[in-house]
């Protein structure tokens, strides 16, 4: 079921779980948030994975702090959606039309 859902996604954003490995194995674009002291397979000082060419890693820069990694994910997502600007992405605090209606 998870693989079937992933097949229809443009991007998977997750932490280091089986979801990350499944997305990578399926060749889906996947962004993975990894902790300051990551598992050995994520190596050090790199943003990619030698096992999954469609994977991008977002590393925690300080133990216990995810805000910096999430800020980088947000910036990358805004860039992906609008080429470096907030185009195509709602500005923080702006309601999205049709959501929750």
N, C-alpha and C. Protein backbone atom coordinates (compact mmCIF):
# COMPACT_ATOMS: atom_id res chain seq x y z
N UNK A 1 0.82 -1.19 0.00
CA UNK A 1 0.00 0.00 0.00
C UNK A 1 0.87 1.26 0.00
N UNK A 2 1.90 1.27 0.84
CA UNK A 2 2.76 2.45 0.93
C UNK A 2 3.46 2.71 -0.40
N UNK A 3 3.96 1.65 -1.01
CA UNK A 3 4.65 1.81 -2.30
C UNK A 3 3.70 2.33 -3.37
N UNK A 4 2.47 1.87 -3.37
CA UNK A 4 1.49 2.33 -4.35
C UNK A 4 1.20 3.82 -4.17
N UNK A 5 1.09 4.26 -2.93
CA UNK A 5 0.84 5.68 -2.67
C UNK A 5 2.05 6.51 -3.10
N UNK A 6 3.25 6.03 -2.78
CA UNK A 6 4.47 6.75 -3.15
C UNK A 6 4.60 6.94 -4.65
N UNK A 7 4.11 5.98 -5.40
CA UNK A 7 4.23 6.05 -6.86
C UNK A 7 3.55 7.30 -7.42
N UNK A 8 2.56 7.82 -6.70
CA UNK A 8 1.85 9.00 -7.17
C UNK A 8 2.34 10.31 -6.60
N UNK A 9 3.39 10.26 -5.79
CA UNK A 9 3.90 11.47 -5.15
C UNK A 9 5.03 12.11 -5.96
N UNK A 10 5.10 13.42 -5.92
CA UNK A 10 6.21 14.14 -6.55
C UNK A 10 7.44 14.13 -5.66
N UNK A 11 7.23 14.04 -4.35
CA UNK A 11 8.33 14.11 -3.39
C UNK A 11 7.89 13.50 -2.08
N UNK A 12 8.79 12.75 -1.46
CA UNK A 12 8.57 12.21 -0.12
C UNK A 12 9.52 12.94 0.82
N UNK A 13 9.00 13.48 1.92
CA UNK A 13 9.81 14.12 2.95
C UNK A 13 9.56 13.34 4.23
N UNK A 14 10.64 12.82 4.83
CA UNK A 14 10.47 11.96 6.00
C UNK A 14 11.75 11.94 6.84
N UNK A 15 11.68 11.22 7.93
CA UNK A 15 12.85 10.97 8.76
C UNK A 15 13.37 9.57 8.42
N UNK A 16 14.43 9.16 9.08
CA UNK A 16 15.07 7.87 8.81
C UNK A 16 14.19 6.72 9.30
N UNK A 17 13.30 6.28 8.42
CA UNK A 17 12.43 5.14 8.70
C UNK A 17 12.40 4.27 7.45
N UNK A 18 11.60 3.22 7.50
CA UNK A 18 11.46 2.36 6.33
C UNK A 18 10.89 3.14 5.14
N UNK A 19 10.13 4.19 5.41
CA UNK A 19 9.57 5.02 4.34
C UNK A 19 10.70 5.61 3.49
N UNK A 20 11.75 6.08 4.12
CA UNK A 20 12.89 6.66 3.39
C UNK A 20 13.54 5.61 2.49
N UNK A 21 13.74 4.43 3.03
CA UNK A 21 14.39 3.36 2.26
C UNK A 21 13.50 2.87 1.11
N UNK A 22 12.20 2.77 1.38
CA UNK A 22 11.28 2.34 0.33
C UNK A 22 11.23 3.37 -0.80
N UNK A 23 11.13 4.64 -0.45
CA UNK A 23 11.11 5.68 -1.48
C UNK A 23 12.40 5.65 -2.30
N UNK A 24 13.53 5.52 -1.61
CA UNK A 24 14.81 5.44 -2.31
C UNK A 24 14.90 4.23 -3.23
N UNK A 25 14.44 3.09 -2.74
CA UNK A 25 14.48 1.85 -3.53
C UNK A 25 13.56 1.94 -4.75
N UNK A 26 12.47 2.68 -4.61
CA UNK A 26 11.54 2.86 -5.73
C UNK A 26 11.98 3.95 -6.70
N UNK A 27 13.05 4.65 -6.34
CA UNK A 27 13.55 5.72 -7.20
C UNK A 27 12.72 6.99 -7.13
N UNK A 28 11.92 7.13 -6.07
CA UNK A 28 11.13 8.34 -5.88
C UNK A 28 12.01 9.43 -5.30
N UNK A 29 11.80 10.68 -5.66
CA UNK A 29 12.54 11.76 -5.00
C UNK A 29 12.19 11.75 -3.51
N UNK A 30 13.22 11.74 -2.67
CA UNK A 30 12.98 11.67 -1.22
C UNK A 30 13.98 12.53 -0.49
N UNK A 31 13.47 13.32 0.45
CA UNK A 31 14.30 14.15 1.32
C UNK A 31 14.19 13.58 2.72
N UNK A 32 15.33 13.28 3.32
CA UNK A 32 15.35 12.63 4.63
C UNK A 32 16.04 13.52 5.65
N UNK A 33 15.37 13.74 6.77
CA UNK A 33 15.96 14.47 7.89
C UNK A 33 16.71 13.47 8.74
N UNK A 34 18.00 13.71 8.93
CA UNK A 34 18.81 12.79 9.73
C UNK A 34 19.40 13.53 10.94
N UNK A 35 19.56 12.81 12.05
CA UNK A 35 20.04 13.46 13.28
C UNK A 35 21.51 13.84 13.22
N UNK A 36 21.92 14.63 14.19
CA UNK A 36 23.30 15.09 14.31
C UNK A 36 24.28 13.92 14.31
N UNK A 37 23.97 12.88 15.06
CA UNK A 37 24.79 11.65 15.09
C UNK A 37 24.00 10.58 14.33
N UNK A 38 24.15 10.53 13.01
CA UNK A 38 23.32 9.63 12.20
C UNK A 38 23.78 8.18 12.25
N UNK A 39 22.89 7.33 11.78
CA UNK A 39 23.23 5.93 11.57
C UNK A 39 24.37 5.87 10.55
N UNK A 40 25.17 4.84 10.61
CA UNK A 40 26.37 4.73 9.77
C UNK A 40 26.07 4.86 8.28
N UNK A 41 24.91 4.39 7.85
CA UNK A 41 24.62 4.37 6.41
C UNK A 41 24.48 5.76 5.80
N UNK A 42 24.26 6.77 6.64
CA UNK A 42 24.12 8.13 6.13
C UNK A 42 25.46 8.85 6.06
N UNK A 43 26.50 8.18 6.52
CA UNK A 43 27.86 8.72 6.46
C UNK A 43 27.90 10.12 7.09
N UNK A 44 28.93 10.87 6.78
CA UNK A 44 29.08 12.22 7.32
C UNK A 44 29.42 13.19 6.19
N UNK A 45 29.12 14.44 6.39
CA UNK A 45 29.54 15.51 5.48
C UNK A 45 29.11 15.30 4.03
N UNK A 46 27.89 14.81 3.83
CA UNK A 46 27.35 14.73 2.48
C UNK A 46 25.85 14.88 2.52
N UNK A 47 25.29 15.33 1.42
CA UNK A 47 23.86 15.55 1.33
C UNK A 47 23.15 14.52 0.47
N UNK A 48 23.90 13.55 -0.02
CA UNK A 48 23.30 12.53 -0.85
C UNK A 48 23.56 11.16 -0.25
N UNK A 49 23.02 10.14 -0.90
CA UNK A 49 23.22 8.76 -0.46
C UNK A 49 23.80 7.95 -1.61
N UNK A 50 24.86 7.21 -1.36
CA UNK A 50 25.42 6.39 -2.44
C UNK A 50 24.49 5.23 -2.82
N UNK A 51 23.55 4.89 -1.96
CA UNK A 51 22.64 3.78 -2.23
C UNK A 51 21.38 4.21 -2.95
N UNK A 52 20.98 5.46 -2.76
CA UNK A 52 19.73 5.95 -3.34
C UNK A 52 19.99 7.26 -4.08
N UNK A 53 20.15 7.22 -5.39
CA UNK A 53 20.50 8.43 -6.14
C UNK A 53 19.44 9.53 -6.11
N UNK A 54 18.20 9.20 -5.78
CA UNK A 54 17.14 10.21 -5.75
C UNK A 54 16.95 10.81 -4.35
N UNK A 55 17.84 10.48 -3.43
CA UNK A 55 17.70 10.91 -2.04
C UNK A 55 18.57 12.12 -1.75
N UNK A 56 18.01 13.03 -0.95
CA UNK A 56 18.75 14.19 -0.45
C UNK A 56 18.63 14.20 1.07
N UNK A 57 19.75 14.40 1.74
CA UNK A 57 19.78 14.39 3.20
C UNK A 57 19.81 15.80 3.76
N UNK A 58 19.01 16.01 4.79
CA UNK A 58 18.99 17.27 5.53
C UNK A 58 19.42 16.95 6.95
N UNK A 59 20.61 17.36 7.29
CA UNK A 59 21.21 16.99 8.57
C UNK A 59 20.95 18.02 9.67
N UNK A 60 20.75 17.49 10.85
CA UNK A 60 20.66 18.32 12.05
C UNK A 60 22.04 18.91 12.30
N UNK A 61 22.15 20.20 12.54
CA UNK A 61 23.48 20.79 12.77
C UNK A 61 23.87 20.81 14.25
N UNK A 62 22.89 20.64 15.13
CA UNK A 62 23.15 20.59 16.58
C UNK A 62 22.26 19.51 17.18
N UNK A 63 22.77 18.74 18.13
CA UNK A 63 21.95 17.69 18.76
C UNK A 63 20.67 18.27 19.36
N UNK A 64 19.56 17.60 19.10
CA UNK A 64 18.29 17.98 19.68
C UNK A 64 17.59 19.16 19.04
N UNK A 65 18.18 19.76 18.02
CA UNK A 65 17.59 20.93 17.36
C UNK A 65 17.22 20.57 15.92
N UNK A 66 15.95 20.63 15.63
CA UNK A 66 15.49 20.32 14.28
C UNK A 66 15.12 21.57 13.49
N UNK A 67 15.06 22.73 14.16
CA UNK A 67 14.61 23.93 13.47
C UNK A 67 15.48 24.29 12.28
N UNK A 68 16.78 24.14 12.39
CA UNK A 68 17.67 24.48 11.27
C UNK A 68 17.47 23.54 10.09
N UNK A 69 17.34 22.25 10.37
CA UNK A 69 17.12 21.29 9.29
C UNK A 69 15.77 21.54 8.63
N UNK A 70 14.76 21.82 9.43
CA UNK A 70 13.43 22.10 8.87
C UNK A 70 13.43 23.40 8.06
N UNK A 71 14.20 24.38 8.49
CA UNK A 71 14.33 25.62 7.71
C UNK A 71 14.93 25.33 6.34
N UNK A 72 15.92 24.45 6.28
CA UNK A 72 16.55 24.10 5.00
C UNK A 72 15.57 23.32 4.12
N UNK A 73 14.78 22.44 4.73
CA UNK A 73 13.75 21.72 3.97
C UNK A 73 12.74 22.72 3.40
N UNK A 74 12.31 23.66 4.23
CA UNK A 74 11.35 24.67 3.77
C UNK A 74 11.92 25.48 2.61
N UNK A 75 13.16 25.92 2.73
CA UNK A 75 13.80 26.69 1.65
C UNK A 75 13.89 25.86 0.37
N UNK A 76 14.29 24.60 0.51
CA UNK A 76 14.43 23.74 -0.66
C UNK A 76 13.07 23.47 -1.31
N UNK A 77 12.05 23.31 -0.49
CA UNK A 77 10.71 23.08 -1.02
C UNK A 77 10.18 24.32 -1.73
N UNK A 78 10.42 25.48 -1.15
CA UNK A 78 10.02 26.72 -1.81
C UNK A 78 10.77 26.88 -3.14
N UNK A 79 12.05 26.55 -3.14
CA UNK A 79 12.84 26.64 -4.37
C UNK A 79 12.30 25.67 -5.42
N UNK A 80 12.01 24.46 -5.00
CA UNK A 80 11.49 23.44 -5.91
C UNK A 80 10.15 23.86 -6.50
N UNK A 81 9.32 24.49 -5.68
CA UNK A 81 7.98 24.88 -6.13
C UNK A 81 7.98 26.19 -6.91
N UNK A 82 8.93 27.07 -6.62
CA UNK A 82 8.87 28.38 -7.25
C UNK A 82 10.19 28.96 -7.65
N UNK A 83 11.19 28.13 -7.82
CA UNK A 83 12.50 28.59 -8.28
C UNK A 83 13.09 29.69 -7.42
N UNK A 84 13.14 29.45 -6.11
CA UNK A 84 13.86 30.35 -5.24
C UNK A 84 13.03 31.41 -4.56
N UNK A 85 11.74 31.47 -4.86
CA UNK A 85 10.88 32.45 -4.21
C UNK A 85 9.69 31.73 -3.61
N UNK A 86 8.81 32.47 -3.03
CA UNK A 86 7.61 31.88 -2.44
C UNK A 86 6.52 31.64 -3.49
N UNK A 87 6.83 31.81 -4.77
CA UNK A 87 5.85 31.58 -5.82
C UNK A 87 5.33 30.15 -5.73
N UNK A 88 4.05 30.02 -5.77
CA UNK A 88 3.47 28.69 -5.74
C UNK A 88 3.31 28.13 -4.35
N UNK A 89 3.86 28.80 -3.35
CA UNK A 89 3.75 28.33 -1.97
C UNK A 89 3.05 29.41 -1.16
N UNK A 90 2.10 29.01 -0.30
CA UNK A 90 1.45 30.03 0.52
C UNK A 90 2.44 30.67 1.47
N UNK A 91 2.32 31.96 1.66
CA UNK A 91 3.16 32.67 2.62
C UNK A 91 2.69 32.27 4.01
N UNK A 92 3.61 32.12 4.93
CA UNK A 92 3.29 31.69 6.28
C UNK A 92 2.18 32.58 6.85
N UNK A 93 1.14 31.95 7.38
CA UNK A 93 0.02 32.68 7.96
C UNK A 93 -1.09 32.99 6.97
N UNK A 94 -0.85 32.73 5.69
CA UNK A 94 -1.87 32.97 4.67
C UNK A 94 -2.71 31.71 4.50
N UNK A 95 -4.04 31.82 4.61
CA UNK A 95 -4.87 30.63 4.45
C UNK A 95 -4.78 30.09 3.03
N UNK A 96 -4.83 28.79 2.91
CA UNK A 96 -4.81 28.13 1.61
C UNK A 96 -6.25 27.90 1.19
N UNK A 97 -6.62 28.34 0.00
CA UNK A 97 -7.98 28.20 -0.48
C UNK A 97 -8.36 26.74 -0.61
N UNK A 98 -9.55 26.39 -0.13
CA UNK A 98 -10.05 25.04 -0.28
C UNK A 98 -9.59 24.07 0.78
N UNK A 99 -8.69 24.46 1.65
CA UNK A 99 -8.22 23.57 2.70
C UNK A 99 -9.11 23.75 3.91
N UNK A 100 -9.68 22.65 4.38
CA UNK A 100 -10.51 22.69 5.57
C UNK A 100 -11.90 23.24 5.32
N UNK A 101 -12.24 23.47 4.07
CA UNK A 101 -13.56 24.03 3.76
C UNK A 101 -14.56 22.92 3.51
